[in-house]
Amino acid sequence: MNRIPVPAAGAAAFEERFAASMRETLPGVVGLVGARLLRPEREDGAYVAVMDFTSRDAFEAWTRSPAFRAAHGPSTRGMAGRTETYRTVAAVGA
């Protein structure tokens, strides 16, 4: 997860840039199960980017990949946030 504070005035532009970055850099990432950008419901809340990987190794490989560098390069100014990692301990499929 990555919590990203975004001022309300820049929210629409942020969403557009972030979604474009996801479309450009995430297809084909080995071990990536899915990725989501969650919009806060409170104006003072932070966006949350969630990425699910098949394993810790797959996640770590992505952080060393060209796709990761492209997703976190100069074009992502204003998208910096705080990263948190979690392990799934329980899940229910739909």
Protein backbone atom coordinates (compact mmCIF):
# COMPACT_ATOMS: atom_id res chain seq x y z
CA MET A 1 0.00 0.00 0.00
CA ASN A 2 1.04 3.54 -0.59
CA ARG A 3 -0.79 6.38 1.16
CA ILE A 4 -0.61 9.53 -0.96
CA PRO A 5 -1.84 12.87 0.35
CA VAL A 6 -3.30 14.97 -2.46
CA PRO A 7 -4.83 18.44 -2.07
CA ALA A 8 -8.50 18.46 -3.13
CA ALA A 9 -7.77 21.04 -5.84
CA GLY A 10 -5.37 18.62 -7.54
CA ALA A 11 -7.36 15.41 -7.11
CA ALA A 12 -8.72 15.07 -10.65
CA ALA A 13 -5.32 15.66 -12.27
CA PHE A 14 -3.67 13.29 -9.79
CA GLU A 15 -6.17 10.51 -10.55
CA GLU A 16 -5.64 10.94 -14.27
CA ARG A 17 -1.82 10.88 -14.01
CA PHE A 18 -1.79 7.95 -11.60
CA ALA A 19 -4.21 5.87 -13.68
CA ALA A 20 -2.15 6.57 -16.81
CA SER A 21 1.01 5.53 -14.99
CA MET A 22 -0.65 2.28 -13.89
CA ARG A 23 -1.82 1.50 -17.44
CA GLU A 24 1.65 2.18 -18.84
CA THR A 25 3.87 0.48 -16.26
CA LEU A 26 1.94 -2.43 -14.73
CA PRO A 27 0.87 -4.69 -17.60
CA GLY A 28 3.14 -7.71 -17.71
CA VAL A 29 4.60 -7.28 -14.21
CA VAL A 30 5.37 -10.85 -13.14
CA GLY A 31 3.47 -11.89 -10.02
CA LEU A 32 1.15 -8.88 -9.97
CA VAL A 33 -2.37 -10.05 -9.11
CA GLY A 34 -4.00 -6.62 -9.25
CA ALA A 35 -3.61 -2.93 -8.49
CA ARG A 36 -6.14 -0.35 -7.33
CA LEU A 37 -6.16 3.36 -6.56
CA LEU A 38 -8.60 4.17 -3.77
CA ARG A 39 -10.04 7.68 -3.46
CA PRO A 40 -10.55 8.97 0.10
CA GLU A 41 -14.12 9.75 1.07
CA ARG A 42 -13.00 12.54 3.40
CA GLU A 43 -11.50 15.64 1.80
CA ASP A 44 -8.56 15.53 4.21
CA GLY A 45 -7.90 11.82 3.62
CA ALA A 46 -5.08 10.30 1.60
CA TYR A 47 -5.40 8.25 -1.57
CA VAL A 48 -4.31 4.64 -1.19
CA ALA A 49 -2.63 2.66 -3.96
CA VAL A 50 -2.95 -1.07 -3.34
CA MET A 51 -0.99 -3.71 -5.23
CA ASP A 52 -1.34 -7.43 -4.68
CA PHE A 53 1.45 -9.84 -5.61
CA THR A 54 1.62 -13.62 -5.62
CA SER A 55 4.62 -13.55 -3.28
CA ARG A 56 7.07 -11.34 -1.43
CA ASP A 57 9.72 -12.34 -3.98
CA ALA A 58 7.50 -11.10 -6.84
CA PHE A 59 6.97 -7.78 -5.04
CA GLU A 60 10.69 -7.35 -4.40
CA ALA A 61 11.52 -8.22 -8.02
CA TRP A 62 9.07 -5.52 -9.15
CA THR A 63 10.79 -2.94 -6.91
CA ARG A 64 14.04 -3.65 -8.79
CA SER A 65 12.47 -3.64 -12.25
CA PRO A 66 12.40 -1.08 -15.08
CA ALA A 67 8.60 -0.95 -14.62
CA PHE A 68 9.06 0.22 -11.03
CA ARG A 69 11.57 2.88 -12.05
CA ALA A 70 9.22 4.09 -14.79
CA ALA A 71 6.28 4.23 -12.36
CA HIS A 72 8.30 6.24 -9.84
CA GLY A 73 10.24 8.53 -12.18
CA PRO A 74 10.15 12.28 -12.76
CA SER A 75 6.66 12.19 -14.30
CA THR A 76 5.21 11.15 -10.93
CA ARG A 77 6.02 14.38 -9.08
CA GLY A 78 3.34 15.06 -6.49
CA MET A 79 2.56 11.36 -6.13
CA ALA A 80 5.00 10.61 -3.31
CA GLY A 81 3.53 8.96 -0.29
CA ARG A 82 4.19 6.58 2.56
CA THR A 83 4.56 2.90 1.65
CA GLU A 84 3.31 0.13 3.93
CA THR A 85 3.63 -3.61 3.29
CA TYR A 86 1.31 -6.33 4.58
CA ARG A 87 0.96 -10.10 4.32
CA THR A 88 -2.43 -11.66 3.70
CA VAL A 89 -3.55 -13.78 6.65
CA ALA A 90 -7.14 -14.37 5.56
CA ALA A 91 -9.06 -13.88 2.30
CA VAL A 92 -12.44 -14.67 0.79
CA GLY A 93 -12.88 -14.94 -2.96
CA ALA A 94 -15.99 -13.69 -4.73
